[in-house]
C-alpha atoms as a PDB file:
ATOM      1  CA  MET A   1      19.698  13.293  -4.729  1.00  0.00           C
ATOM      2  CA  GLY A   2      20.794  10.171  -6.558  1.00  0.00           C
ATOM      3  CA  ILE A   3      19.156   7.222  -8.226  1.00  0.00           C
ATOM      4  CA  ILE A   4      21.059   3.953  -7.909  1.00  0.00           C
ATOM      5  CA  GLY A   5      20.881   0.877 -10.108  1.00  0.00           C
ATOM      6  CA  ASP A   6      22.820  -1.621 -12.206  1.00  0.00           C
ATOM      7  CA  PRO A   7      22.481  -0.723 -15.055  1.00  0.00           C
ATOM      8  CA  ILE A   8      21.391   2.901 -14.707  1.00  0.00           C
ATOM      9  CA  ALA A   9      21.575   4.442 -18.196  1.00  0.00           C
ATOM     10  CA  GLN A  10      17.861   3.736 -18.677  1.00  0.00           C
ATOM     11  CA  ALA A  11      16.733   5.765 -15.645  1.00  0.00           C
ATOM     12  CA  GLN A  12      14.082   8.354 -16.487  1.00  0.00           C
ATOM     13  CA  THR A  13      13.631   9.729 -12.964  1.00  0.00           C
ATOM     14  CA  PRO A  14      16.313  12.479 -13.017  1.00  0.00           C
ATOM     15  CA  ALA A  15      14.945  14.472 -15.948  1.00  0.00           C
ATOM     16  CA  THR A  16      11.378  14.260 -14.673  1.00  0.00           C
ATOM     17  CA  ILE A  17      11.972  14.979 -10.988  1.00  0.00           C
ATOM     18  CA  ASN A  18      14.505  17.753 -11.662  1.00  0.00           C
ATOM     19  CA  ALA A  19      11.813  19.705 -13.478  1.00  0.00           C
ATOM     20  CA  LEU A  20       9.606  19.372 -10.383  1.00  0.00           C
ATOM     21  CA  PHE A  21      12.404  20.460  -8.040  1.00  0.00           C
ATOM     22  CA  SER A  22      12.989  23.483 -10.270  1.00  0.00           C
ATOM     23  CA  SER A  23       9.305  24.410 -10.337  1.00  0.00           C
ATOM     24  CA  ARG A  24       9.261  24.354  -6.530  1.00  0.00           C
ATOM     25  CA  GLY A  25      12.409  26.464  -6.284  1.00  0.00           C
ATOM     26  CA  ALA A  26      14.170  23.593  -4.495  1.00  0.00           C
ATOM     27  CA  ASP A  27      17.972  23.608  -4.614  1.00  0.00           C
ATOM     28  CA  ILE A  28      18.078  19.856  -5.305  1.00  0.00           C
ATOM     29  CA  ALA A  29      19.360  17.976  -8.361  1.00  0.00           C
ATOM     30  CA  CYS A  30      18.852  14.276  -9.063  1.00  0.00           C
ATOM     31  CA  VAL A  31      21.661  12.387 -10.810  1.00  0.00           C
ATOM     32  CA  PRO A  32      21.979   8.722 -11.901  1.00  0.00           C
ATOM     33  CA  LEU A  33      24.578   6.661 -10.015  1.00  0.00           C
ATOM     34  CA  HIS A  34      25.774   3.341 -11.429  1.00  0.00           C
ATOM     35  CA  VAL A  35      26.073   1.049  -8.405  1.00  0.00           C
ATOM     36  CA  PRO A  36      27.209  -2.506  -9.234  1.00  0.00           C
ATOM     37  CA  VAL A  37      25.646  -5.216  -7.066  1.00  0.00           C
ATOM     38  CA  GLN A  38      28.912  -6.148  -5.380  1.00  0.00           C
ATOM     39  CA  GLU A  39      29.614  -2.500  -4.455  1.00  0.00           C
ATOM     40  CA  LEU A  40      26.234  -1.635  -2.935  1.00  0.00           C
ATOM     41  CA  GLY A  41      27.371  -1.765   0.705  1.00  0.00           C
ATOM     42  CA  ALA A  42      30.494   0.329   0.144  1.00  0.00           C
ATOM     43  CA  ILE A  43      28.722   2.948  -1.973  1.00  0.00           C
ATOM     44  CA  TRP A  44      25.826   3.115   0.496  1.00  0.00           C
ATOM     45  CA  ALA A  45      28.284   3.953   3.272  1.00  0.00           C
ATOM     46  CA  GLY A  46      29.848   6.600   1.054  1.00  0.00           C
ATOM     47  CA  LEU A  47      26.488   8.209   0.298  1.00  0.00           C
ATOM     48  CA  LYS A  48      25.639   8.283   3.989  1.00  0.00           C
ATOM     49  CA  GLY A  49      28.929  10.036   4.697  1.00  0.00           C
ATOM     50  CA  MET A  50      28.064  12.864   2.269  1.00  0.00           C
ATOM     51  CA  PRO A  51      25.813  15.315   4.193  1.00  0.00           C
ATOM     52  CA  ASN A  52      24.450  17.010   1.071  1.00  0.00           C
ATOM     53  CA  VAL A  53      23.005  13.737  -0.290  1.00  0.00           C
ATOM     54  CA  VAL A  54      19.371  14.144   0.750  1.00  0.00           C
ATOM     55  CA  GLY A  55      18.239  10.761  -0.531  1.00  0.00           C
ATOM     56  CA  PHE A  56      18.111   8.541  -3.589  1.00  0.00           C
ATOM     57  CA  GLY A  57      15.783   6.474  -5.696  1.00  0.00           C
ATOM     58  CA  ILE A  58      16.480   2.750  -6.063  1.00  0.00           C
ATOM     59  CA  THR A  59      15.977   0.715  -9.207  1.00  0.00           C
ATOM     60  CA  LEU A  60      16.881  -2.815 -10.309  1.00  0.00           C
ATOM     61  CA  PRO A  61      18.428  -4.892  -8.822  1.00  0.00           C
ATOM     62  CA  HIS A  62      18.781  -3.227  -5.399  1.00  0.00           C
ATOM     63  CA  LYS A  63      15.176  -2.811  -4.187  1.00  0.00           C
ATOM     64  CA  GLN A  64      15.203  -5.817  -1.863  1.00  0.00           C
ATOM     65  CA  SER A  65      18.865  -5.957  -0.824  1.00  0.00           C
ATOM     66  CA  ALA A  66      18.693  -2.263   0.209  1.00  0.00           C
ATOM     67  CA  LEU A  67      16.179  -3.235   2.880  1.00  0.00           C
ATOM     68  CA  GLN A  68      18.934  -4.503   5.162  1.00  0.00           C
ATOM     69  CA  LEU A  69      21.004  -1.318   4.773  1.00  0.00           C
ATOM     70  CA  CYS A  70      18.336   1.201   5.818  1.00  0.00           C
ATOM     71  CA  ASP A  71      18.494   2.583   9.366  1.00  0.00           C
ATOM     72  CA  SER A  72      14.696   2.399   9.458  1.00  0.00           C
ATOM     73  CA  ILE A  73      11.854   1.617   7.081  1.00  0.00           C
ATOM     74  CA  ASP A  74       8.338   2.877   6.499  1.00  0.00           C
ATOM     75  CA  PRO A  75       5.571   0.381   7.428  1.00  0.00           C
ATOM     76  CA  LEU A  76       4.674  -0.076   3.742  1.00  0.00           C
ATOM     77  CA  VAL A  77       8.255  -1.144   3.008  1.00  0.00           C
ATOM     78  CA  LYS A  78       8.046  -3.766   5.743  1.00  0.00           C
ATOM     79  CA  ARG A  79       4.789  -5.016   4.288  1.00  0.00           C
ATOM     80  CA  VAL A  80       6.043  -5.141   0.697  1.00  0.00           C
ATOM     81  CA  GLY A  81       9.651  -6.148   1.394  1.00  0.00           C
ATOM     82  CA  ALA A  82      11.208  -3.720  -1.072  1.00  0.00           C
ATOM     83  CA  VAL A  83      12.516  -0.139  -1.053  1.00  0.00           C
ATOM     84  CA  ASN A  84      12.454   2.278  -3.977  1.00  0.00           C
ATOM     85  CA  VAL A  85      13.254   5.601  -2.259  1.00  0.00           C
ATOM     86  CA  VAL A  86      15.610   6.381   0.610  1.00  0.00           C
ATOM     87  CA  ARG A  87      15.410   9.762   2.355  1.00  0.00           C
ATOM     88  CA  ARG A  88      17.939  11.239   4.754  1.00  0.00           C
ATOM     89  CA  GLU A  89      15.866  12.085   7.808  1.00  0.00           C
ATOM     90  CA  ARG A  90      16.451  15.126  10.025  1.00  0.00           C
ATOM     91  CA  ASN A  91      18.651  13.060  12.351  1.00  0.00           C
ATOM     92  CA  GLY A  92      20.801  11.852   9.432  1.00  0.00           C
ATOM     93  CA  ASP A  93      19.340   8.342   9.244  1.00  0.00           C
ATOM     94  CA  PHE A  94      18.600   6.726   5.885  1.00  0.00           C
ATOM     95  CA  ARG A  95      14.937   5.631   5.945  1.00  0.00           C
ATOM     96  CA  GLY A  96      13.406   3.451   3.251  1.00  0.00           C
ATOM     97  CA  TYR A  97      10.099   4.198   1.528  1.00  0.00           C
ATOM     98  CA  GLN A  98       8.044   2.569  -1.222  1.00  0.00           C
ATOM     99  CA  PHE A  99       6.217   4.378  -4.052  1.00  0.00           C
ATOM    100  CA  ASP A 100       6.340   1.834  -6.914  1.00  0.00           C
ATOM    101  CA  GLY A 101       2.920   0.299  -6.334  1.00  0.00           C
ATOM    102  CA  LYS A 102       1.053   3.574  -5.893  1.00  0.00           C
ATOM    103  CA  GLY A 103       2.896   5.050  -8.861  1.00  0.00           C
ATOM    104  CA  PHE A 104       1.994   2.117 -11.076  1.00  0.00           C
ATOM    105  CA  VAL A 105      -1.677   2.325 -10.094  1.00  0.00           C
ATOM    106  CA  ARG A 106      -1.748   6.089 -10.659  1.00  0.00           C
ATOM    107  CA  GLY A 107      -0.231   5.571 -14.102  1.00  0.00           C
ATOM    108  CA  LEU A 108      -2.957   3.089 -15.037  1.00  0.00           C
ATOM    109  CA  GLN A 109      -5.694   5.309 -13.635  1.00  0.00           C
ATOM    110  CA  ALA A 110      -4.394   8.351 -15.511  1.00  0.00           C
ATOM    111  CA  ARG A 111      -4.899   6.436 -18.764  1.00  0.00           C
ATOM    112  CA  ARG A 112      -8.260   4.997 -17.652  1.00  0.00           C
ATOM    113  CA  ILE A 113      -7.025   1.410 -17.800  1.00  0.00           C
ATOM    114  CA  ALA A 114      -9.332  -0.904 -15.865  1.00  0.00           C
ATOM    115  CA  ILE A 115      -8.071  -2.519 -12.656  1.00  0.00           C
ATOM    116  CA  GLU A 116     -11.152  -3.220 -10.510  1.00  0.00           C
ATOM    117  CA  ASN A 117     -12.579  -6.744 -10.837  1.00  0.00           C
ATOM    118  CA  ARG A 118      -9.856  -7.630 -13.341  1.00  0.00           C
ATOM    119  CA  ASP A 119      -7.543 -10.637 -13.340  1.00  0.00           C
ATOM    120  CA  VAL A 120      -3.830  -9.780 -13.373  1.00  0.00           C
ATOM    121  CA  LEU A 121      -0.754 -11.696 -14.509  1.00  0.00           C
ATOM    122  CA  ILE A 122       2.550 -10.371 -13.161  1.00  0.00           C
ATOM    123  CA  LEU A 123       5.789 -11.562 -14.745  1.00  0.00           C
ATOM    124  CA  GLY A 124       8.534 -11.492 -12.116  1.00  0.00           C
ATOM    125  CA  ALA A 125       8.601 -11.576  -8.325  1.00  0.00           C
ATOM    126  CA  GLY A 126      11.178  -8.909  -7.472  1.00  0.00           C
ATOM    127  CA  GLY A 127      10.729  -5.658  -5.575  1.00  0.00           C
ATOM    128  CA  ALA A 128       8.626  -3.853  -8.180  1.00  0.00           C
ATOM    129  CA  ALA A 129       6.411  -6.903  -8.706  1.00  0.00           C
ATOM    130  CA  VAL A 130       5.697  -7.188  -4.990  1.00  0.00           C
ATOM    131  CA  ALA A 131       4.793  -3.517  -4.595  1.00  0.00           C
ATOM    132  CA  ILE A 132       2.578  -3.549  -7.687  1.00  0.00           C
ATOM    133  CA  ALA A 133       0.784  -6.738  -6.632  1.00  0.00           C
ATOM    134  CA  PHE A 134      -0.143  -5.253  -3.251  1.00  0.00           C
ATOM    135  CA  ALA A 135      -1.291  -1.973  -4.780  1.00  0.00           C
ATOM    136  CA  LEU A 136      -3.468  -3.640  -7.429  1.00  0.00           C
ATOM    137  CA  VAL A 137      -5.273  -5.849  -4.921  1.00  0.00           C
ATOM    138  CA  GLU A 138      -5.866  -2.814  -2.693  1.00  0.00           C
ATOM    139  CA  VAL A 139      -7.697  -1.004  -5.516  1.00  0.00           C
ATOM    140  CA  GLY A 140      -9.870  -3.988  -6.410  1.00  0.00           C
ATOM    141  CA  ALA A 141      -8.049  -6.385  -8.748  1.00  0.00           C
ATOM    142  CA  ASN A 142      -9.946  -9.674  -8.818  1.00  0.00           C
ATOM    143  CA  SER A 143      -6.941 -12.019  -8.764  1.00  0.00           C
ATOM    144  CA  VAL A 144      -3.179 -11.981  -9.238  1.00  0.00           C
ATOM    145  CA  THR A 145      -1.143 -14.734 -10.871  1.00  0.00           C
ATOM    146  CA  ILE A 146       2.620 -14.534 -10.305  1.00  0.00           C
ATOM    147  CA  SER A 147       4.936 -16.069 -12.892  1.00  0.00           C
ATOM    148  CA  ASN A 148       8.643 -16.261 -12.142  1.00  0.00           C
ATOM    149  CA  ARG A 149      11.610 -18.317 -13.357  1.00  0.00           C
ATOM    150  CA  THR A 150      12.090 -19.468  -9.756  1.00  0.00           C
ATOM    151  CA  LEU A 151       8.761 -21.077  -8.889  1.00  0.00           C
ATOM    152  CA  ALA A 152       9.388 -20.955  -5.139  1.00  0.00           C
ATOM    153  CA  LYS A 153       9.733 -17.174  -5.279  1.00  0.00           C
ATOM    154  CA  ALA A 154       6.402 -16.837  -7.122  1.00  0.00           C
ATOM    155  CA  GLU A 155       4.725 -19.157  -4.610  1.00  0.00           C
ATOM    156  CA  GLY A 156       6.225 -17.176  -1.736  1.00  0.00           C
ATOM    157  CA  LEU A 157       4.846 -13.896  -3.063  1.00  0.00           C
ATOM    158  CA  ALA A 158       1.408 -15.447  -3.597  1.00  0.00           C
ATOM    159  CA  GLU A 159       1.398 -16.783  -0.035  1.00  0.00           C
ATOM    160  CA  THR A 160       2.420 -13.377   1.318  1.00  0.00           C
ATOM    161  CA  LEU A 161      -0.408 -11.646  -0.558  1.00  0.00           C
ATOM    162  CA  ASN A 162      -2.988 -14.187   0.584  1.00  0.00           C
ATOM    163  CA  ALA A 163      -1.849 -13.955   4.210  1.00  0.00           C
ATOM    164  CA  ASP A 164      -1.806 -10.164   4.178  1.00  0.00           C
ATOM    165  CA  PHE A 165      -5.258  -9.723   2.644  1.00  0.00           C
ATOM    166  CA  GLY A 166      -6.818 -12.648   4.497  1.00  0.00           C
ATOM    167  CA  TYR A 167      -8.270 -14.469   1.491  1.00  0.00           C
ATOM    168  CA  SER A 168      -7.048 -16.369  -1.564  1.00  0.00           C
ATOM    169  CA  VAL A 169      -6.354 -13.647  -4.121  1.00  0.00           C
ATOM    170  CA  ALA A 170      -3.006 -14.804  -5.553  1.00  0.00           C
ATOM    171  CA  ARG A 171      -1.356 -17.915  -6.929  1.00  0.00           C
ATOM    172  CA  ALA A 172       1.779 -18.904  -8.826  1.00  0.00           C
ATOM    173  CA  GLY A 173       1.320 -19.841 -12.474  1.00  0.00           C
ATOM    174  CA  PRO A 174       2.890 -20.026 -15.939  1.00  0.00           C
ATOM    175  CA  PRO A 175       3.571 -16.943 -18.102  1.00  0.00           C
ATOM    176  CA  GLU A 176       0.456 -17.605 -20.146  1.00  0.00           C
ATOM    177  CA  PRO A 177      -2.130 -14.779 -20.110  1.00  0.00           C
ATOM    178  CA  ILE A 178      -5.823 -15.503 -20.482  1.00  0.00           C
ATOM    179  CA  ALA A 179      -8.573 -13.447 -22.076  1.00  0.00           C
ATOM    180  CA  GLY A 180      -9.061  -9.946 -20.688  1.00  0.00           C
ATOM    181  CA  GLN A 181      -6.116  -9.980 -18.296  1.00  0.00           C
ATOM    182  CA  LEU A 182      -3.935  -7.071 -17.287  1.00  0.00           C
ATOM    183  CA  VAL A 183      -0.458  -8.470 -17.991  1.00  0.00           C
ATOM    184  CA  ILE A 184       2.544  -6.760 -16.373  1.00  0.00           C
ATOM    185  CA  ASN A 185       6.194  -7.328 -17.187  1.00  0.00           C
ATOM    186  CA  ALA A 186       7.881  -6.550 -13.869  1.00  0.00           C
ATOM    187  CA  THR A 187      11.206  -8.123 -14.905  1.00  0.00           C
ATOM    188  CA  SER A 188      14.252  -6.385 -16.383  1.00  0.00           C
ATOM    189  CA  LEU A 189      13.811  -8.283 -19.661  1.00  0.00           C
ATOM    190  CA  GLY A 190      13.388  -5.612 -22.328  1.00  0.00           C
ATOM    191  CA  LEU A 191      16.048  -3.161 -21.215  1.00  0.00           C
ATOM    192  CA  LYS A 192      18.171  -4.468 -24.108  1.00  0.00           C
ATOM    193  CA  ASP A 193      16.989  -5.323 -27.600  1.00  0.00           C
ATOM    194  CA  ALA A 194      18.730  -8.691 -27.355  1.00  0.00           C
ATOM    195  CA  ASP A 195      16.819  -9.716 -24.221  1.00  0.00           C
ATOM    196  CA  PRO A 196      14.500 -12.707 -24.592  1.00  0.00           C
ATOM    197  CA  LEU A 197      10.807 -11.954 -24.236  1.00  0.00           C
ATOM    198  CA  PRO A 198       9.363 -12.801 -20.792  1.00  0.00           C
ATOM    199  CA  LEU A 199       6.395 -14.531 -22.439  1.00  0.00           C
ATOM    200  CA  ASN A 200       5.389 -15.975 -25.786  1.00  0.00           C
ATOM    201  CA  PRO A 201       3.647 -13.070 -27.601  1.00  0.00           C
ATOM    202  CA  HIS A 202       1.308 -15.529 -29.321  1.00  0.00           C
ATOM    203  CA  PHE A 203      -0.649 -15.662 -26.055  1.00  0.00           C
ATOM    204  CA  LEU A 204      -1.465 -11.944 -26.368  1.00  0.00           C
ATOM    205  CA  GLN A 205      -4.851 -11.043 -27.825  1.00  0.00           C
ATOM    206  CA  PRO A 206      -7.204  -8.032 -28.038  1.00  0.00           C
ATOM    207  CA  GLY A 207      -9.013  -7.333 -24.776  1.00  0.00           C
ATOM    208  CA  MET A 208      -5.831  -7.723 -22.743  1.00  0.00           C
ATOM    209  CA  THR A 209      -3.565  -4.916 -21.550  1.00  0.00           C
ATOM    210  CA  MET A 210       0.211  -5.411 -21.806  1.00  0.00           C
ATOM    211  CA  ALA A 211       2.002  -3.158 -19.302  1.00  0.00           C
ATOM    212  CA  GLU A 212       5.691  -2.626 -18.562  1.00  0.00           C
ATOM    213  CA  VAL A 213       7.708  -1.336 -15.635  1.00  0.00           C
ATOM    214  CA  ILE A 214      10.555  -0.549 -18.046  1.00  0.00           C
ATOM    215  CA  ALA A 215      10.513   3.138 -18.987  1.00  0.00           C
ATOM    216  CA  GLN A 216      13.487   3.197 -21.364  1.00  0.00           C
ATOM    217  CA  PRO A 217      13.008   2.193 -24.064  1.00  0.00           C
ATOM    218  CA  GLU A 218       9.519   3.629 -23.772  1.00  0.00           C
ATOM    219  CA  LYS A 219       8.271   1.033 -26.253  1.00  0.00           C
ATOM    220  CA  THR A 220       9.951  -2.289 -25.568  1.00  0.00           C
ATOM    221  CA  ARG A 221       9.991  -5.163 -28.042  1.00  0.00           C
ATOM    222  CA  LEU A 222       7.273  -6.839 -25.954  1.00  0.00           C
ATOM    223  CA  LEU A 223       5.030  -3.778 -26.214  1.00  0.00           C
ATOM    224  CA  ALA A 224       5.665  -3.648 -29.971  1.00  0.00           C
ATOM    225  CA  GLU A 225       4.649  -7.312 -30.266  1.00  0.00           C
ATOM    226  CA  ALA A 226       1.498  -6.620 -28.245  1.00  0.00           C
ATOM    227  CA  ASP A 227       0.653  -3.539 -30.300  1.00  0.00           C
ATOM    228  CA  ALA A 228       0.993  -5.529 -33.519  1.00  0.00           C
ATOM    229  CA  ARG A 229      -1.619  -7.954 -32.181  1.00  0.00           C
ATOM    230  CA  GLY A 230      -4.146  -5.240 -31.343  1.00  0.00           C
ATOM    231  CA  VAL A 231      -3.448  -5.391 -27.600  1.00  0.00           C
ATOM    232  CA  GLU A 232      -3.689  -2.259 -25.444  1.00  0.00           C
ATOM    233  CA  THR A 233      -0.178  -1.285 -24.258  1.00  0.00           C
ATOM    234  CA  HIS A 234       1.102   0.691 -21.289  1.00  0.00           C
ATOM    235  CA  SER A 235       4.717   1.860 -21.009  1.00  0.00           C
ATOM    236  CA  GLY A 236       6.706   1.901 -17.772  1.00  0.00           C
ATOM    237  CA  ILE A 237       7.115   5.667 -18.184  1.00  0.00           C
ATOM    238  CA  HIS A 238       3.605   6.009 -16.725  1.00  0.00           C
ATOM    239  CA  MET A 239       4.731   4.384 -13.455  1.00  0.00           C
ATOM    240  CA  ILE A 240       7.545   6.960 -13.240  1.00  0.00           C
ATOM    241  CA  ARG A 241       5.146   9.830 -13.898  1.00  0.00           C
ATOM    242  CA  GLY A 242       2.630   8.386 -11.463  1.00  0.00           C
ATOM    243  CA  GLN A 243       5.014   8.436  -8.507  1.00  0.00           C
ATOM    244  CA  ILE A 244       7.462  11.241  -9.278  1.00  0.00           C
ATOM    245  CA  GLY A 245       5.302  13.984  -7.766  1.00  0.00           C
ATOM    246  CA  MET A 246       4.930  12.001  -4.536  1.00  0.00           C
ATOM    247  CA  ILE A 247       8.694  11.449  -4.344  1.00  0.00           C
ATOM    248  CA  ALA A 248       9.544  15.108  -5.000  1.00  0.00           C
ATOM    249  CA  GLU A 249       7.086  16.231  -2.342  1.00  0.00           C
ATOM    250  CA  HIS A 250       8.507  13.657   0.082  1.00  0.00           C
ATOM    251  CA  ILE A 251      12.095  14.849  -0.372  1.00  0.00           C
ATOM    252  CA  CYS A 252      11.139  18.545  -0.270  1.00  0.00           C
ATOM    253  CA  GLU A 253       9.203  17.990   2.957  1.00  0.00           C
ATOM    254  CA  ILE A 254      12.536  18.076   4.770  1.00  0.00           C
ATOM    255  CA  TRP A 255      15.117  19.423   2.349  1.00  0.00           C
ATOM    256  CA  ALA A 256      13.507  22.345   0.521  1.00  0.00           C
END
């Protein structure tokens, strides 16, 4: 099993899921694969031509572009518009699945972080942001504000959420959290120390929760800024832990 991304050095999935494969006695090993954006199609074809590749996880920036390469997709993928796991089915097809949203919610719930009746600000509108937005509304989030550098993309995601749920639950807005919000950085900003912050940390205040999808570093500069201001923080490692058991079980369902 692989995990593909660009970059990929930050990926925490292999170490975590390999321990689960081992505990199940599954003869499967997960390895990180650096797949540059421009090489995705060629490498995808290569992976499909290798019969002992049973599937792969997908991280930034491939979660949406991979959609067009799958032979088939799970209904949740169609709804969300992003893939984060591909499994080789019994007939050899590559089928896309989505665990990011459920994994993120499980990570929050495991740490008893409130979601129900809470306002949410999501920074970013990529594949992870979409999956997380859907999952949070499903478990009772009060509202979701989407902030993205490309306003049209934020507005598009808000419209999709509102149409899917049948009421006005989402809107596009600035990266400016308000009191008590659950704030989620669903961008790649924070993978490198030199990255700019996705919001002005002066907006952060006690009573909010600052959450990341980035798992490495486990404590990003944004989380450090939030912590220094007395804000509850939540690392992206919890999203990985929240979904890894589901992914291992999903792969082993056919291949172990």
